[in-house]
Protein backbone atom coordinates (compact mmCIF):
# COMPACT_ATOMS: atom_id res chain seq x y z
CA MET A 1 -15.89 1.60 9.84
CA VAL A 2 -12.83 -0.74 9.57
CA ASP A 3 -9.82 -0.17 11.44
CA SER A 4 -7.69 -2.85 10.86
CA ILE A 5 -8.05 -6.56 8.89
CA LEU A 6 -7.17 -10.18 9.98
CA LEU A 7 -5.79 -11.89 7.27
CA LEU A 8 -6.40 -15.73 7.40
CA VAL A 9 -3.52 -17.94 5.74
CA ASP A 10 -3.43 -21.45 5.88
CA ALA A 11 0.04 -22.86 7.04
CA ALA A 12 -0.05 -25.60 4.70
CA GLU A 13 -1.39 -23.86 1.27
CA GLY A 14 -0.14 -20.43 1.78
CA PRO A 15 -1.74 -17.12 0.19
CA LEU A 16 -4.40 -18.12 -2.23
CA PRO A 17 -5.40 -15.91 -4.99
CA GLN A 18 -8.46 -14.14 -2.92
CA THR A 19 -5.71 -13.47 -0.45
CA ARG A 20 -3.88 -10.89 -2.75
CA TYR A 21 -6.96 -9.50 -3.53
CA VAL A 22 -8.01 -8.81 -0.10
CA LEU A 23 -4.64 -7.36 0.97
CA GLN A 24 -4.42 -5.17 -2.03
CA LYS A 25 -7.81 -3.37 -1.08
CA ALA A 26 -6.80 -3.22 2.38
CA MET A 27 -3.33 -1.87 1.59
CA SER A 28 -5.02 0.65 -0.58
CA HIS A 29 -6.81 1.95 2.29
CA HIS A 30 -3.69 2.04 4.68
CA LEU A 31 -5.16 -0.41 7.01
CA PRO A 32 -3.15 -2.34 9.58
CA VAL A 33 -2.98 -6.23 8.75
CA VAL A 34 -2.58 -8.94 11.41
CA VAL A 35 -1.84 -12.43 9.94
CA ALA A 36 -3.48 -15.28 11.42
CA SER A 37 -1.51 -18.50 10.23
CA THR A 38 -4.16 -21.41 10.53
CA ARG A 39 -3.79 -25.25 10.93
CA ILE A 40 -0.34 -25.13 12.19
CA ASP A 41 -1.04 -28.54 13.70
CA ARG A 42 -1.45 -30.16 10.08
CA SER A 43 1.44 -32.59 9.06
CA ASP A 44 2.07 -30.90 6.00
CA ALA A 45 2.09 -27.22 7.78
CA ARG A 46 5.03 -25.22 6.37
CA ALA A 47 4.79 -22.12 8.35
CA ALA A 48 8.16 -20.68 7.86
CA GLU A 49 7.88 -21.25 4.19
CA VAL A 50 4.39 -19.63 3.96
CA LEU A 51 5.49 -16.66 5.81
CA GLY A 52 8.16 -15.83 3.19
CA ARG A 53 5.59 -16.11 0.65
CA ARG A 54 3.13 -13.43 2.43
CA LEU A 55 6.41 -11.37 2.67
CA ARG A 56 6.79 -11.54 -1.07
CA LEU A 57 3.49 -10.94 -1.17
CA PHE A 58 3.30 -7.82 0.63
CA MET A 59 6.35 -6.43 -1.17
CA ASP A 60 4.65 -7.42 -4.66
CA LEU A 61 1.97 -5.18 -3.62
CA GLY A 62 4.30 -2.13 -2.52
CA ALA A 63 3.84 -2.32 0.92
CA ASP A 64 5.69 0.15 2.78
CA ALA A 65 7.94 -0.16 6.06
CA GLU A 66 5.11 -0.17 8.49
CA GLN A 67 2.69 -2.46 6.47
CA ILE A 68 5.47 -4.96 6.01
CA ASP A 69 5.90 -5.01 9.84
CA PHE A 70 2.81 -6.99 10.67
CA PRO A 71 2.11 -9.30 13.44
CA VAL A 72 1.62 -13.05 13.00
CA VAL A 73 -0.47 -15.12 15.08
CA TYR A 74 -0.18 -18.85 15.02
CA THR A 75 -3.56 -20.78 15.70
CA ASN A 76 -4.36 -24.28 16.23
CA ALA A 77 -8.19 -24.50 16.40
CA LYS A 78 -8.12 -28.47 17.47
CA THR A 79 -6.37 -27.32 20.64
CA GLY A 80 -7.93 -23.89 20.73
CA THR A 81 -4.44 -22.01 20.93
CA ALA A 82 -3.00 -19.13 19.41
CA THR A 83 0.29 -17.91 19.76
CA LEU A 84 2.81 -15.41 18.59
CA ASN A 85 5.31 -17.62 18.80
CA ILE A 86 5.45 -20.65 16.45
CA GLU A 87 7.50 -22.63 18.84
CA VAL A 88 4.95 -22.43 21.69
CA ARG A 89 2.43 -24.59 20.60
């Protein structure tokens, strides 16, 4: 029924408590995860720091090597763009 999940994480706020719950459920079912880092255009966005917090969250939940190698899509809704490279906005 579900082949994977898209985990949305705000580039300024980082993972919230409900993020942990959703990720834990997905990992227990061995679902692949794609992370979308949203709102990269905000002045308080900290994409690199938030990525580190996501990695720690994955490790805290016991992610294996395959699960920790998740793709990250950086998104900017105002311009309607999404990229795999944070340097390309």
